[in-house]
PDB file of N, CA and C in Angstrom:
ATOM      1  N   MET A   1     -36.976   1.397  19.036  1.00  0.00           N
ATOM      2  CA  MET A   1     -35.800   0.613  18.747  1.00  0.00           C
ATOM      3  C   MET A   1     -36.240  -0.654  17.999  1.00  0.00           C
ATOM      4  N   ALA A   2     -35.563  -0.961  16.926  1.00  0.00           N
ATOM      5  CA  ALA A   2     -35.910  -2.132  16.129  1.00  0.00           C
ATOM      6  C   ALA A   2     -35.446  -3.392  16.833  1.00  0.00           C
ATOM      7  N   ARG A   3     -36.302  -4.382  16.811  1.00  0.00           N
ATOM      8  CA  ARG A   3     -35.953  -5.650  17.450  1.00  0.00           C
ATOM      9  C   ARG A   3     -35.449  -6.617  16.390  1.00  0.00           C
ATOM     10  N   PHE A   4     -34.373  -7.294  16.690  1.00  0.00           N
ATOM     11  CA  PHE A   4     -33.772  -8.231  15.745  1.00  0.00           C
ATOM     12  C   PHE A   4     -34.447  -9.585  15.909  1.00  0.00           C
ATOM     13  N   GLU A   5     -34.962 -10.112  14.821  1.00  0.00           N
ATOM     14  CA  GLU A   5     -35.601 -11.418  14.838  1.00  0.00           C
ATOM     15  C   GLU A   5     -34.635 -12.462  14.294  1.00  0.00           C
ATOM     16  N   PHE A   6     -34.323 -13.468  15.080  1.00  0.00           N
ATOM     17  CA  PHE A   6     -33.403 -14.510  14.650  1.00  0.00           C
ATOM     18  C   PHE A   6     -33.988 -15.390  13.555  1.00  0.00           C
ATOM     19  N   GLU A   7     -35.309 -15.425  13.421  1.00  0.00           N
ATOM     20  CA  GLU A   7     -35.919 -16.211  12.356  1.00  0.00           C
ATOM     21  C   GLU A   7     -35.581 -15.622  10.988  1.00  0.00           C
ATOM     22  N   ASP A   8     -35.359 -14.324  10.920  1.00  0.00           N
ATOM     23  CA  ASP A   8     -35.039 -13.657   9.663  1.00  0.00           C
ATOM     24  C   ASP A   8     -33.565 -13.774   9.309  1.00  0.00           C
ATOM     25  N   PHE A   9     -32.770 -14.265  10.231  1.00  0.00           N
ATOM     26  CA  PHE A   9     -31.320 -14.330  10.035  1.00  0.00           C
ATOM     27  C   PHE A   9     -30.915 -15.702   9.503  1.00  0.00           C
ATOM     28  N   ASP A  10     -30.162 -15.723   8.395  1.00  0.00           N
ATOM     29  CA  ASP A  10     -29.665 -16.972   7.827  1.00  0.00           C
ATOM     30  C   ASP A  10     -28.163 -17.024   8.058  1.00  0.00           C
ATOM     31  N   PRO A  11     -27.678 -17.887   8.973  1.00  0.00           N
ATOM     32  CA  PRO A  11     -26.240 -17.909   9.274  1.00  0.00           C
ATOM     33  C   PRO A  11     -25.389 -18.467   8.142  1.00  0.00           C
ATOM     34  N   TYR A  12     -26.001 -19.128   7.173  1.00  0.00           N
ATOM     35  CA  TYR A  12     -25.248 -19.720   6.073  1.00  0.00           C
ATOM     36  C   TYR A  12     -25.303 -18.886   4.801  1.00  0.00           C
ATOM     37  N   SER A  13     -25.880 -17.733   4.873  1.00  0.00           N
ATOM     38  CA  SER A  13     -25.948 -16.880   3.685  1.00  0.00           C
ATOM     39  C   SER A  13     -24.597 -16.215   3.438  1.00  0.00           C
ATOM     40  N   VAL A  14     -24.344 -15.872   2.200  1.00  0.00           N
ATOM     41  CA  VAL A  14     -23.086 -15.236   1.819  1.00  0.00           C
ATOM     42  C   VAL A  14     -23.220 -13.732   2.008  1.00  0.00           C
ATOM     43  N   ALA A  15     -22.240 -13.143   2.654  1.00  0.00           N
ATOM     44  CA  ALA A  15     -22.259 -11.705   2.885  1.00  0.00           C
ATOM     45  C   ALA A  15     -21.956 -10.970   1.587  1.00  0.00           C
ATOM     46  N   GLU A  16     -22.573  -9.850   1.403  1.00  0.00           N
ATOM     47  CA  GLU A  16     -22.318  -9.030   0.231  1.00  0.00           C
ATOM     48  C   GLU A  16     -20.991  -8.304   0.416  1.00  0.00           C
ATOM     49  N   PRO A  17     -20.129  -8.290  -0.606  1.00  0.00           N
ATOM     50  CA  PRO A  17     -18.855  -7.577  -0.459  1.00  0.00           C
ATOM     51  C   PRO A  17     -19.075  -6.076  -0.332  1.00  0.00           C
ATOM     52  N   ARG A  18     -18.264  -5.459   0.491  1.00  0.00           N
ATOM     53  CA  ARG A  18     -18.369  -4.013   0.697  1.00  0.00           C
ATOM     54  C   ARG A  18     -17.796  -3.297  -0.509  1.00  0.00           C
ATOM     55  N   GLN A  19     -18.470  -2.265  -0.939  1.00  0.00           N
ATOM     56  CA  GLN A  19     -17.988  -1.474  -2.071  1.00  0.00           C
ATOM     57  C   GLN A  19     -16.736  -0.712  -1.647  1.00  0.00           C
ATOM     58  N   GLU A  20     -15.732  -0.748  -2.504  1.00  0.00           N
ATOM     59  CA  GLU A  20     -14.475  -0.060  -2.213  1.00  0.00           C
ATOM     60  C   GLU A  20     -14.688   1.436  -2.373  1.00  0.00           C
ATOM     61  N   GLN A  21     -14.569   2.185  -1.272  1.00  0.00           N
ATOM     62  CA  GLN A  21     -14.789   3.617  -1.334  1.00  0.00           C
ATOM     63  C   GLN A  21     -13.688   4.412  -0.664  1.00  0.00           C
ATOM     64  N   ARG A  22     -12.600   3.755  -0.300  1.00  0.00           N
ATOM     65  CA  ARG A  22     -11.543   4.537   0.311  1.00  0.00           C
ATOM     66  C   ARG A  22     -10.782   5.309  -0.762  1.00  0.00           C
ATOM     67  N   PHE A  23     -10.041   6.305  -0.357  1.00  0.00           N
ATOM     68  CA  PHE A  23      -9.368   7.227  -1.267  1.00  0.00           C
ATOM     69  C   PHE A  23      -8.304   6.504  -2.087  1.00  0.00           C
ATOM     70  N   GLY A  24      -8.513   6.348  -3.369  1.00  0.00           N
ATOM     71  CA  GLY A  24      -7.545   5.719  -4.241  1.00  0.00           C
ATOM     72  C   GLY A  24      -7.334   4.247  -3.953  1.00  0.00           C
ATOM     73  N   GLY A  25      -8.349   3.574  -3.411  1.00  0.00           N
ATOM     74  CA  GLY A  25      -8.188   2.212  -2.950  1.00  0.00           C
ATOM     75  C   GLY A  25      -7.898   1.186  -4.016  1.00  0.00           C
ATOM     76  N   VAL A  26      -8.415   1.330  -5.209  1.00  0.00           N
ATOM     77  CA  VAL A  26      -8.263   0.315  -6.233  1.00  0.00           C
ATOM     78  C   VAL A  26      -6.990   0.539  -7.041  1.00  0.00           C
ATOM     79  N   SER A  27      -6.536   1.738  -7.126  1.00  0.00           N
ATOM     80  CA  SER A  27      -5.405   2.096  -7.972  1.00  0.00           C
ATOM     81  C   SER A  27      -4.076   1.682  -7.368  1.00  0.00           C
ATOM     82  N   LEU A  28      -3.154   1.251  -8.220  1.00  0.00           N
ATOM     83  CA  LEU A  28      -1.790   0.968  -7.803  1.00  0.00           C
ATOM     84  C   LEU A  28      -1.119   2.261  -7.339  1.00  0.00           C
ATOM     85  N   CYS A  29      -1.534   3.362  -7.894  1.00  0.00           N
ATOM     86  CA  CYS A  29      -0.943   4.664  -7.579  1.00  0.00           C
ATOM     87  C   CYS A  29      -1.160   5.077  -6.117  1.00  0.00           C
ATOM     88  N   ALA A  30      -2.135   4.482  -5.448  1.00  0.00           N
ATOM     89  CA  ALA A  30      -2.401   4.838  -4.054  1.00  0.00           C
ATOM     90  C   ALA A  30      -1.222   4.495  -3.147  1.00  0.00           C
ATOM     91  N   GLY A  31      -0.386   3.527  -3.533  1.00  0.00           N
ATOM     92  CA  GLY A  31       0.759   3.153  -2.720  1.00  0.00           C
ATOM     93  C   GLY A  31       2.091   3.549  -3.305  1.00  0.00           C
ATOM     94  N   CYS A  32       2.096   4.403  -4.326  1.00  0.00           N
ATOM     95  CA  CYS A  32       3.330   4.792  -5.003  1.00  0.00           C
ATOM     96  C   CYS A  32       3.823   6.141  -4.493  1.00  0.00           C
ATOM     97  N   LYS A  33       5.151   6.259  -4.312  1.00  0.00           N
ATOM     98  CA  LYS A  33       5.689   7.518  -3.791  1.00  0.00           C
ATOM     99  C   LYS A  33       5.744   8.617  -4.846  1.00  0.00           C
ATOM    100  N   TYR A  34       5.573   8.288  -6.110  1.00  0.00           N
ATOM    101  CA  TYR A  34       5.587   9.292  -7.172  1.00  0.00           C
ATOM    102  C   TYR A  34       4.204   9.866  -7.470  1.00  0.00           C
ATOM    103  N   ALA A  35       3.166   9.292  -6.897  1.00  0.00           N
ATOM    104  CA  ALA A  35       1.799   9.697  -7.220  1.00  0.00           C
ATOM    105  C   ALA A  35       1.315  10.818  -6.305  1.00  0.00           C
ATOM    106  N   HIS A  36       0.552  11.699  -6.879  1.00  0.00           N
ATOM    107  CA  HIS A  36      -0.143  12.745  -6.133  1.00  0.00           C
ATOM    108  C   HIS A  36      -1.622  12.552  -6.431  1.00  0.00           C
ATOM    109  N   LEU A  37      -2.381  12.064  -5.448  1.00  0.00           N
ATOM    110  CA  LEU A  37      -3.797  11.781  -5.632  1.00  0.00           C
ATOM    111  C   LEU A  37      -4.621  12.870  -4.970  1.00  0.00           C
ATOM    112  N   TYR A  38      -5.663  13.283  -5.646  1.00  0.00           N
ATOM    113  CA  TYR A  38      -6.618  14.186  -5.026  1.00  0.00           C
ATOM    114  C   TYR A  38      -7.991  13.903  -5.592  1.00  0.00           C
ATOM    115  N   ARG A  39      -9.011  14.259  -4.811  1.00  0.00           N
ATOM    116  CA  ARG A  39     -10.382  13.982  -5.204  1.00  0.00           C
ATOM    117  C   ARG A  39     -11.211  15.241  -5.043  1.00  0.00           C
ATOM    118  N   ARG A  40     -12.062  15.475  -6.001  1.00  0.00           N
ATOM    119  CA  ARG A  40     -12.950  16.630  -5.938  1.00  0.00           C
ATOM    120  C   ARG A  40     -14.176  16.323  -5.081  1.00  0.00           C
ATOM    121  N   ARG A  41     -14.828  17.364  -4.669  1.00  0.00           N
ATOM    122  CA  ARG A  41     -16.034  17.218  -3.872  1.00  0.00           C
ATOM    123  C   ARG A  41     -17.101  16.466  -4.672  1.00  0.00           C
ATOM    124  N   ASP A  42     -17.753  15.535  -4.013  1.00  0.00           N
ATOM    125  CA  ASP A  42     -18.820  14.713  -4.593  1.00  0.00           C
ATOM    126  C   ASP A  42     -18.354  13.828  -5.742  1.00  0.00           C
ATOM    127  N   LYS A  43     -17.071  13.571  -5.841  1.00  0.00           N
ATOM    128  CA  LYS A  43     -16.538  12.664  -6.864  1.00  0.00           C
ATOM    129  C   LYS A  43     -15.818  11.532  -6.148  1.00  0.00           C
ATOM    130  N   LEU A  44     -16.144  10.289  -6.494  1.00  0.00           N
ATOM    131  CA  LEU A  44     -15.499   9.151  -5.865  1.00  0.00           C
ATOM    132  C   LEU A  44     -14.163   8.831  -6.525  1.00  0.00           C
ATOM    133  N   GLU A  45     -14.057   9.077  -7.803  1.00  0.00           N
ATOM    134  CA  GLU A  45     -12.841   8.741  -8.547  1.00  0.00           C
ATOM    135  C   GLU A  45     -11.786   9.845  -8.383  1.00  0.00           C
ATOM    136  N   PRO A  46     -10.583   9.495  -7.914  1.00  0.00           N
ATOM    137  CA  PRO A  46      -9.552  10.516  -7.708  1.00  0.00           C
ATOM    138  C   PRO A  46      -8.834  10.879  -9.009  1.00  0.00           C
ATOM    139  N   ALA A  47      -8.257  12.058  -9.028  1.00  0.00           N
ATOM    140  CA  ALA A  47      -7.370  12.456 -10.117  1.00  0.00           C
ATOM    141  C   ALA A  47      -5.953  12.136  -9.662  1.00  0.00           C
ATOM    142  N   VAL A  48      -5.135  11.575 -10.568  1.00  0.00           N
ATOM    143  CA  VAL A  48      -3.795  11.113 -10.201  1.00  0.00           C
ATOM    144  C   VAL A  48      -2.769  11.802 -11.091  1.00  0.00           C
ATOM    145  N   TYR A  49      -1.804  12.476 -10.459  1.00  0.00           N
ATOM    146  CA  TYR A  49      -0.679  13.061 -11.191  1.00  0.00           C
ATOM    147  C   TYR A  49       0.561  12.267 -10.826  1.00  0.00           C
ATOM    148  N   CYS A  50       1.259  11.744 -11.825  1.00  0.00           N
ATOM    149  CA  CYS A  50       2.478  10.965 -11.599  1.00  0.00           C
ATOM    150  C   CYS A  50       3.683  11.880 -11.781  1.00  0.00           C
ATOM    151  N   HIS A  51       4.464  12.074 -10.725  1.00  0.00           N
ATOM    152  CA  HIS A  51       5.646  12.934 -10.797  1.00  0.00           C
ATOM    153  C   HIS A  51       6.781  12.264 -11.562  1.00  0.00           C
ATOM    154  N   GLU A  52       6.804  10.943 -11.617  1.00  0.00           N
ATOM    155  CA  GLU A  52       7.847  10.241 -12.360  1.00  0.00           C
ATOM    156  C   GLU A  52       7.614  10.365 -13.869  1.00  0.00           C
ATOM    157  N   LEU A  53       6.356  10.254 -14.288  1.00  0.00           N
ATOM    158  CA  LEU A  53       6.025  10.386 -15.713  1.00  0.00           C
ATOM    159  C   LEU A  53       5.789  11.836 -16.116  1.00  0.00           C
ATOM    160  N   GLY A  54       5.456  12.670 -15.147  1.00  0.00           N
ATOM    161  CA  GLY A  54       5.232  14.085 -15.429  1.00  0.00           C
ATOM    162  C   GLY A  54       3.905  14.377 -16.099  1.00  0.00           C
ATOM    163  N   LYS A  55       2.885  13.567 -15.832  1.00  0.00           N
ATOM    164  CA  LYS A  55       1.573  13.801 -16.444  1.00  0.00           C
ATOM    165  C   LYS A  55       0.476  13.142 -15.610  1.00  0.00           C
ATOM    166  N   TYR A  56      -0.767  13.509 -15.938  1.00  0.00           N
ATOM    167  CA  TYR A  56      -1.914  12.884 -15.298  1.00  0.00           C
ATOM    168  C   TYR A  56      -2.111  11.500 -15.893  1.00  0.00           C
ATOM    169  N   VAL A  57      -2.449  10.549 -15.038  1.00  0.00           N
ATOM    170  CA  VAL A  57      -2.686   9.179 -15.476  1.00  0.00           C
ATOM    171  C   VAL A  57      -4.077   8.758 -15.027  1.00  0.00           C
ATOM    172  N   PRO A  58      -4.657   7.739 -15.675  1.00  0.00           N
ATOM    173  CA  PRO A  58      -5.975   7.267 -15.234  1.00  0.00           C
ATOM    174  C   PRO A  58      -5.895   6.661 -13.827  1.00  0.00           C
ATOM    175  N   PRO A  59      -6.950   6.774 -13.040  1.00  0.00           N
ATOM    176  CA  PRO A  59      -6.893   6.288 -11.657  1.00  0.00           C
ATOM    177  C   PRO A  59      -7.012   4.779 -11.519  1.00  0.00           C
ATOM    178  N   ASP A  60      -7.248   4.048 -12.590  1.00  0.00           N
ATOM    179  CA  ASP A  60      -7.442   2.604 -12.475  1.00  0.00           C
ATOM    180  C   ASP A  60      -6.210   1.809 -12.915  1.00  0.00           C
ATOM    181  N   ILE A  61      -5.025   2.343 -12.678  1.00  0.00           N
ATOM    182  CA  ILE A  61      -3.772   1.674 -13.039  1.00  0.00           C
ATOM    183  C   ILE A  61      -3.591   0.437 -12.154  1.00  0.00           C
ATOM    184  N   VAL A  62      -3.252  -0.704 -12.769  1.00  0.00           N
ATOM    185  CA  VAL A  62      -2.997  -1.917 -11.999  1.00  0.00           C
ATOM    186  C   VAL A  62      -1.569  -2.426 -12.194  1.00  0.00           C
ATOM    187  N   GLU A  63      -0.836  -1.902 -13.175  1.00  0.00           N
ATOM    188  CA  GLU A  63       0.549  -2.308 -13.399  1.00  0.00           C
ATOM    189  C   GLU A  63       1.322  -1.103 -13.920  1.00  0.00           C
ATOM    190  N   CYS A  64       2.537  -0.894 -13.378  1.00  0.00           N
ATOM    191  CA  CYS A  64       3.327   0.265 -13.768  1.00  0.00           C
ATOM    192  C   CYS A  64       4.811  -0.060 -13.623  1.00  0.00           C
ATOM    193  N   ASN A  65       5.602   0.265 -14.638  1.00  0.00           N
ATOM    194  CA  ASN A  65       7.042   0.013 -14.594  1.00  0.00           C
ATOM    195  C   ASN A  65       7.778   0.981 -13.673  1.00  0.00           C
ATOM    196  N   GLN A  66       7.219   2.136 -13.420  1.00  0.00           N
ATOM    197  CA  GLN A  66       7.863   3.149 -12.583  1.00  0.00           C
ATOM    198  C   GLN A  66       7.392   3.104 -11.136  1.00  0.00           C
ATOM    199  N   PHE A  67       6.602   2.091 -10.767  1.00  0.00           N
ATOM    200  CA  PHE A  67       6.050   2.005  -9.404  1.00  0.00           C
ATOM    201  C   PHE A  67       7.166   1.862  -8.373  1.00  0.00           C
ATOM    202  N   SER A  68       7.050   2.625  -7.309  1.00  0.00           N
ATOM    203  CA  SER A  68       7.971   2.537  -6.187  1.00  0.00           C
ATOM    204  C   SER A  68       7.148   2.682  -4.909  1.00  0.00           C
ATOM    205  N   ALA A  69       7.119   1.640  -4.099  1.00  0.00           N
ATOM    206  CA  ALA A  69       6.296   1.645  -2.888  1.00  0.00           C
ATOM    207  C   ALA A  69       6.735   2.747  -1.934  1.00  0.00           C
ATOM    208  N   VAL A  70       5.784   3.328  -1.253  1.00  0.00           N
ATOM    209  CA  VAL A  70       6.058   4.419  -0.326  1.00  0.00           C
ATOM    210  C   VAL A  70       6.976   3.945   0.799  1.00  0.00           C
ATOM    211  N   ALA A  71       6.768   2.746   1.292  1.00  0.00           N
ATOM    212  CA  ALA A  71       7.538   2.242   2.426  1.00  0.00           C
ATOM    213  C   ALA A  71       8.842   1.557   2.023  1.00  0.00           C
ATOM    214  N   ALA A  72       9.132   1.449   0.734  1.00  0.00           N
ATOM    215  CA  ALA A  72      10.347   0.759   0.291  1.00  0.00           C
ATOM    216  C   ALA A  72      11.573   1.650   0.507  1.00  0.00           C
ATOM    217  N   LEU A  73      12.672   1.025   0.919  1.00  0.00           N
ATOM    218  CA  LEU A  73      13.916   1.754   1.129  1.00  0.00           C
ATOM    219  C   LEU A  73      14.822   1.611  -0.091  1.00  0.00           C
ATOM    220  N   SER A  74      15.582   2.648  -0.381  1.00  0.00           N
ATOM    221  CA  SER A  74      16.567   2.562  -1.451  1.00  0.00           C
ATOM    222  C   SER A  74      17.796   1.822  -0.923  1.00  0.00           C
ATOM    223  N   LEU A  75      18.698   1.423  -1.821  1.00  0.00           N
ATOM    224  CA  LEU A  75      19.923   0.743  -1.398  1.00  0.00           C
ATOM    225  C   LEU A  75      20.780   1.635  -0.504  1.00  0.00           C
ATOM    226  N   HIS A  76      20.819   2.918  -0.792  1.00  0.00           N
ATOM    227  CA  HIS A  76      21.584   3.862   0.031  1.00  0.00           C
ATOM    228  C   HIS A  76      21.008   3.936   1.448  1.00  0.00           C
ATOM    229  N   GLN A  77      19.669   3.977   1.570  1.00  0.00           N
ATOM    230  CA  GLN A  77      19.046   4.021   2.889  1.00  0.00           C
ATOM    231  C   GLN A  77      19.297   2.730   3.661  1.00  0.00           C
ATOM    232  N   MET A  78      19.250   1.585   2.969  1.00  0.00           N
ATOM    233  CA  MET A  78      19.520   0.314   3.636  1.00  0.00           C
ATOM    234  C   MET A  78      20.971   0.228   4.104  1.00  0.00           C
ATOM    235  N   GLN A  79      21.902   0.759   3.320  1.00  0.00           N
ATOM    236  CA  GLN A  79      23.316   0.725   3.698  1.00  0.00           C
ATOM    237  C   GLN A  79      23.558   1.560   4.951  1.00  0.00           C
ATOM    238  N   LYS A  80      22.850   2.678   5.083  1.00  0.00           N
ATOM    239  CA  LYS A  80      23.027   3.543   6.248  1.00  0.00           C
ATOM    240  C   LYS A  80      22.567   2.884   7.538  1.00  0.00           C
ATOM    241  N   ILE A  81      21.548   2.019   7.478  1.00  0.00           N
ATOM    242  CA  ILE A  81      21.020   1.414   8.706  1.00  0.00           C
ATOM    243  C   ILE A  81      21.536  -0.005   8.935  1.00  0.00           C
ATOM    244  N   ALA A  82      22.337  -0.541   8.006  1.00  0.00           N
ATOM    245  CA  ALA A  82      22.835  -1.917   8.130  1.00  0.00           C
ATOM    246  C   ALA A  82      23.864  -2.025   9.254  1.00  0.00           C
ATOM    247  N   LEU A  83      23.876  -3.145   9.908  1.00  0.00           N
ATOM    248  CA  LEU A  83      24.857  -3.423  10.952  1.00  0.00           C
ATOM    249  C   LEU A  83      26.048  -4.134  10.337  1.00  0.00           C
ATOM    250  N   PRO A  84      27.276  -3.715  10.663  1.00  0.00           N
ATOM    251  CA  PRO A  84      28.444  -4.407  10.126  1.00  0.00           C
ATOM    252  C   PRO A  84      28.605  -5.783  10.782  1.00  0.00           C
ATOM    253  N   ILE A  85      28.870  -6.800   9.972  1.00  0.00           N
ATOM    254  CA  ILE A  85      29.064  -8.164  10.469  1.00  0.00           C
ATOM    255  C   ILE A  85      30.452  -8.616  10.045  1.00  0.00           C
ATOM    256  N   ASP A  86      31.234  -9.086  11.006  1.00  0.00           N
ATOM    257  CA  ASP A  86      32.586  -9.563  10.727  1.00  0.00           C
ATOM    258  C   ASP A  86      32.508 -11.025  10.290  1.00  0.00           C
ATOM    259  N   PRO A  87      32.989 -11.350   9.073  1.00  0.00           N
ATOM    260  CA  PRO A  87      32.852 -12.721   8.564  1.00  0.00           C
ATOM    261  C   PRO A  87      33.845 -13.718   9.153  1.00  0.00           C
ATOM    262  N   ARG A  88      34.802 -13.263   9.939  1.00  0.00           N
ATOM    263  CA  ARG A  88      35.791 -14.187  10.508  1.00  0.00           C
ATOM    264  C   ARG A  88      35.125 -15.113  11.518  1.00  0.00           C
ATOM    265  N   PRO A  89      35.519 -16.391  11.533  1.00  0.00           N
ATOM    266  CA  PRO A  89      34.925 -17.332  12.499  1.00  0.00           C
ATOM    267  C   PRO A  89      35.307 -16.955  13.915  1.00  0.00           C
ATOM    268  N   GLY A  90      34.340 -17.042  14.804  1.00  0.00           N
ATOM    269  CA  GLY A  90      34.588 -16.748  16.207  1.00  0.00           C
ATOM    270  C   GLY A  90      34.373 -15.304  16.578  1.00  0.00           C
ATOM    271  N   ILE A  91      34.182 -14.410  15.607  1.00  0.00           N
ATOM    272  CA  ILE A  91      33.995 -12.986  15.902  1.00  0.00           C
ATOM    273  C   ILE A  91      32.522 -12.680  16.188  1.00  0.00           C
ATOM    274  N   SER A  92      31.645 -13.100  15.291  1.00  0.00           N
ATOM    275  CA  SER A  92      30.237 -12.743  15.396  1.00  0.00           C
ATOM    276  C   SER A  92      29.458 -13.602  16.383  1.00  0.00           C
ATOM    277  N   ASP A  93      29.922 -14.812  16.683  1.00  0.00           N
ATOM    278  CA  ASP A  93      29.152 -15.685  17.560  1.00  0.00           C
ATOM    279  C   ASP A  93      29.425 -15.446  19.039  1.00  0.00           C
ATOM    280  N   GLY A  94      30.257 -14.484  19.375  1.00  0.00           N
ATOM    281  CA  GLY A  94      30.510 -14.116  20.760  1.00  0.00           C
ATOM    282  C   GLY A  94      31.598 -14.918  21.435  1.00  0.00           C
ATOM    283  N   SER A  95      32.258 -15.827  20.720  1.00  0.00           N
ATOM    284  CA  SER A  95      33.299 -16.644  21.354  1.00  0.00           C
ATOM    285  C   SER A  95      34.667 -15.977  21.297  1.00  0.00           C
ATOM    286  N   TYR A  96      34.801 -14.896  20.572  1.00  0.00           N
ATOM    287  CA  TYR A  96      36.104 -14.209  20.451  1.00  0.00           C
ATOM    288  C   TYR A  96      36.368 -13.404  21.722  1.00  0.00           C
ATOM    289  N   ARG A  97      37.588 -13.479  22.220  1.00  0.00           N
ATOM    290  CA  ARG A  97      37.939 -12.710  23.420  1.00  0.00           C
ATOM    291  C   ARG A  97      39.157 -11.877  23.201  1.00  0.00           C
TER     292      ARG A  97
END
């Protein structure tokens, strides 16, 4: 078992940044609902097919006019889950009887 020597440790040194190696991590397409990302064996760079554009795009996209976040709701979805609020005074604050 290797023994850690504190003399070799510099607490004020700058840590080296970790190399980005997660699947589609750098690309904007990794968070888009129109993107289909896949990676071949032994290849770090993914292939990206955009269903909105209908073609393969480079994996290093950083800006896109057709981007739509996976977790974003459409206006129709928001309307379905919205709670109705009565704008009349005394109705919403619980003082109406």
